[in-house]
Amino acid sequence: MKLNSVDSRTLNESELIKTSFKRNKNALEPEPEFGKEKCVTKVKLENGFKCIIEGNGWEIISDLEKNSGGKNEGPNPGVLACGAFGSCIAMDYKILAAQMGIKINNISITIEAVPDEHKEDHNISTSYSIIKYEVELESDSDYEDVLRVLDLAEVRSSIHNLYKFGTHIARKVKINEGKMIK
């Protein structure tokens, strides 16, 4: 067994999460910059509106519905955005609950993104004006302890904060294999 490794055969899920994150925190204390990895994702538009999304060894297909000109070969970008939002918060709940010793099970989040009014010229929405979500879970822990986990996890959630506070976006353009760069 490696030094500082976690033997998952002897720990329950919450203990494994807590131990793993404690080990990671301890490893990062001497060099905090080491844990700040960029998220690099590549998106390639293929035929029609089908996009191949590659990142961290995964490939996901996104497409528009047929009534929007796509072939419906995968979830549309709105579904992926809502999925990223919900899955990030669900994972943050699980991590923080394990770290705090609060038992939470069967987390389910339903996200509803409400679009802004449609533009008259293209009949497309420009953004979502509100994101509503409902959290369902099971726990034998004290109600206030569970709410404390949820509230603190949302403050720490990178995707939740991206939506809540926004992020600076910088664009770089390469045209004709980089011969025209702006």
Protein backbone atom coordinates (compact mmCIF):
# COMPACT_ATOMS: atom_id res chain seq x y z
CA MET A 1 0.00 0.00 0.00
CA LYS A 2 1.27 3.48 -0.86
CA LEU A 3 2.02 5.95 1.89
CA ASN A 4 -1.02 8.17 2.60
CA SER A 5 -3.25 6.12 0.32
CA VAL A 6 -6.79 5.19 1.29
CA ASP A 7 -7.88 1.55 1.51
CA SER A 8 -11.45 1.78 0.24
CA ARG A 9 -12.18 -1.82 1.30
CA THR A 10 -12.22 -0.86 4.99
CA LEU A 11 -14.09 2.48 4.84
CA ASN A 12 -17.72 3.33 4.20
CA GLU A 13 -18.51 5.91 1.50
CA SER A 14 -18.61 8.93 3.86
CA GLU A 15 -15.38 7.92 5.59
CA LEU A 16 -13.72 7.40 2.21
CA ILE A 17 -14.77 10.86 1.01
CA LYS A 18 -13.71 12.52 4.25
CA THR A 19 -10.35 10.73 4.31
CA SER A 20 -9.66 11.44 0.63
CA PHE A 21 -10.37 15.16 0.92
CA LYS A 22 -8.38 15.44 4.15
CA ARG A 23 -5.43 13.74 2.44
CA ASN A 24 -5.74 16.09 -0.55
CA LYS A 25 -5.92 19.15 1.73
CA ASN A 26 -2.81 18.05 3.60
CA ALA A 27 -0.97 17.41 0.34
CA LEU A 28 -1.83 20.88 -0.96
CA GLU A 29 -0.89 22.85 2.17
CA PRO A 30 2.82 23.12 1.26
CA GLU A 31 2.03 24.02 -2.39
CA PRO A 32 -1.51 25.43 -2.74
CA GLU A 33 -0.93 26.35 -6.40
CA PHE A 34 -0.56 22.65 -7.21
CA GLY A 35 -4.29 22.08 -6.68
CA LYS A 36 -5.41 24.86 -9.01
CA GLU A 37 -5.82 22.96 -12.24
CA LYS A 38 -7.42 24.62 -15.22
CA CYS A 39 -10.48 23.03 -16.73
CA VAL A 40 -9.68 22.56 -20.40
CA THR A 41 -12.51 21.43 -22.66
CA LYS A 42 -12.54 21.32 -26.45
CA VAL A 43 -15.76 21.64 -28.44
CA LYS A 44 -15.91 20.83 -32.13
CA LEU A 45 -18.99 21.62 -34.20
CA GLU A 46 -19.52 18.82 -36.69
CA ASN A 47 -22.39 18.50 -39.16
CA GLY A 48 -25.45 20.59 -38.44
CA PHE A 49 -25.44 21.60 -34.78
CA LYS A 50 -23.86 18.42 -33.38
CA CYS A 51 -20.98 19.28 -31.07
CA ILE A 52 -18.36 16.87 -29.77
CA ILE A 53 -17.25 17.98 -26.31
CA GLU A 54 -13.94 16.54 -25.06
CA GLY A 55 -12.44 17.03 -21.64
CA ASN A 56 -10.58 15.06 -19.01
CA GLY A 57 -10.71 11.89 -21.08
CA TRP A 58 -14.47 12.08 -21.68
CA GLU A 59 -16.47 12.74 -24.81
CA ILE A 60 -20.01 14.10 -24.74
CA ILE A 61 -22.29 14.91 -27.68
CA SER A 62 -24.53 17.96 -27.65
CA ASP A 63 -27.06 18.83 -30.32
CA LEU A 64 -30.19 20.85 -30.85
CA GLU A 65 -33.65 19.36 -31.08
CA LYS A 66 -35.08 18.66 -34.54
CA ASN A 67 -37.54 21.55 -34.25
CA SER A 68 -34.52 23.87 -33.81
CA GLY A 69 -32.64 22.52 -36.84
CA GLY A 70 -30.60 19.86 -35.09
CA LYS A 71 -30.80 16.08 -35.18
CA ASN A 72 -31.38 15.58 -31.43
CA GLU A 73 -28.29 13.37 -31.12
CA GLY A 74 -27.55 14.54 -27.59
CA PRO A 75 -28.69 16.96 -24.92
CA ASN A 76 -28.83 20.62 -25.88
CA PRO A 77 -26.43 23.11 -24.23
CA GLY A 78 -29.12 24.24 -21.78
CA VAL A 79 -29.57 20.69 -20.48
CA LEU A 80 -25.80 20.31 -20.14
CA ALA A 81 -25.53 23.64 -18.31
CA CYS A 82 -28.32 22.68 -15.90
CA GLY A 83 -26.75 19.25 -15.48
CA ALA A 84 -23.38 20.81 -14.63
CA PHE A 85 -25.07 23.10 -12.11
CA GLY A 86 -27.03 20.31 -10.42
CA SER A 87 -24.30 17.67 -10.41
CA CYS A 88 -21.72 20.11 -9.03
CA ILE A 89 -24.00 21.10 -6.14
CA ALA A 90 -25.01 17.48 -5.44
CA MET A 91 -21.35 16.44 -5.27
CA ASP A 92 -20.51 19.43 -3.06
CA TYR A 93 -23.36 18.45 -0.69
CA LYS A 94 -22.00 14.90 -0.49
CA ILE A 95 -18.40 16.02 0.10
CA LEU A 96 -19.24 18.58 2.77
CA ALA A 97 -21.71 16.27 4.53
CA ALA A 98 -19.00 13.61 4.76
CA GLN A 99 -16.46 16.12 6.06
CA MET A 100 -18.91 17.39 8.69
CA GLY A 101 -20.11 13.93 9.70
CA ILE A 102 -23.71 14.60 8.59
CA LYS A 103 -25.43 11.66 6.91
CA ILE A 104 -27.20 12.62 3.69
CA ASN A 105 -28.46 10.07 1.17
CA ASN A 106 -30.37 9.92 -2.11
CA ILE A 107 -29.72 13.49 -3.20
CA SER A 108 -31.87 14.55 -6.14
CA ILE A 109 -31.90 18.04 -7.65
CA THR A 110 -34.42 19.30 -10.21
CA ILE A 111 -33.25 22.41 -12.07
CA GLU A 112 -35.51 24.78 -13.99
CA ALA A 113 -33.79 27.47 -16.06
CA VAL A 114 -36.21 30.22 -17.08
CA PRO A 115 -35.12 32.02 -20.27
CA ASP A 116 -35.23 35.76 -20.82
CA GLU A 117 -37.72 37.15 -23.27
CA HIS A 118 -37.10 36.17 -26.90
CA LYS A 119 -35.33 38.56 -29.22
CA GLU A 120 -37.62 39.75 -31.97
CA ASP A 121 -35.03 39.36 -34.73
CA HIS A 122 -34.06 35.72 -34.19
CA ASN A 123 -36.70 34.34 -31.80
CA ILE A 124 -33.97 32.95 -29.53
CA SER A 125 -33.39 33.63 -25.88
CA THR A 126 -30.16 35.33 -24.94
CA SER A 127 -29.80 33.96 -21.42
CA TYR A 128 -31.62 32.58 -18.42
CA SER A 129 -33.13 35.20 -16.14
CA ILE A 130 -33.50 32.81 -13.19
CA ILE A 131 -32.42 29.33 -12.24
CA LYS A 132 -34.71 27.57 -9.78
CA TYR A 133 -33.81 24.29 -8.17
CA GLU A 134 -35.42 21.89 -5.77
CA VAL A 135 -33.32 19.64 -3.57
CA GLU A 136 -34.70 16.34 -2.30
CA LEU A 137 -32.67 14.12 0.01
CA GLU A 138 -32.91 11.70 2.89
CA SER A 139 -31.24 12.18 6.25
CA ASP A 140 -31.65 11.11 9.87
CA SER A 141 -29.52 14.07 10.94
CA ASP A 142 -30.83 17.24 12.57
CA TYR A 143 -32.70 19.53 10.14
CA GLU A 144 -30.50 22.54 11.00
CA ASP A 145 -27.31 20.48 10.44
CA VAL A 146 -28.54 19.41 7.01
CA LEU A 147 -29.40 23.01 6.06
CA ARG A 148 -25.96 24.13 7.25
CA VAL A 149 -24.37 21.57 4.91
CA LEU A 150 -26.52 22.72 1.97
CA ASP A 151 -25.88 26.43 2.60
CA LEU A 152 -22.13 26.04 3.05
CA ALA A 153 -21.79 23.72 0.04
CA GLU A 154 -23.54 26.26 -2.17
CA VAL A 155 -21.13 28.99 -1.05
CA ARG A 156 -18.21 26.73 -2.00
CA SER A 157 -19.66 25.36 -5.26
CA SER A 158 -17.69 26.56 -8.29
CA ILE A 159 -20.55 26.14 -10.78
CA HIS A 160 -23.12 27.66 -8.40
CA ASN A 161 -20.83 30.67 -7.98
CA LEU A 162 -20.25 30.88 -11.73
CA TYR A 163 -23.99 31.34 -12.24
CA LYS A 164 -24.51 33.49 -9.18
CA PHE A 165 -21.61 35.91 -9.60
CA GLY A 166 -20.55 35.48 -13.22
CA THR A 167 -17.06 35.03 -14.52
CA HIS A 168 -14.84 37.11 -16.75
CA ILE A 169 -14.83 35.60 -20.24
CA ALA A 170 -11.90 36.21 -22.58
CA ARG A 171 -12.02 35.23 -26.25
CA LYS A 172 -9.13 34.54 -28.63
CA VAL A 173 -9.87 33.96 -32.33
CA LYS A 174 -7.79 32.00 -34.86
CA ILE A 175 -8.91 32.10 -38.48
CA ASN A 176 -7.32 30.14 -41.33
CA GLU A 177 -5.18 27.93 -39.09
CA GLY A 178 -3.97 30.82 -36.98
CA LYS A 179 -2.89 33.09 -39.85
CA MET A 180 -5.43 35.67 -38.66
CA ILE A 181 -5.38 35.99 -34.86
CA LYS A 182 -7.24 38.49 -32.74
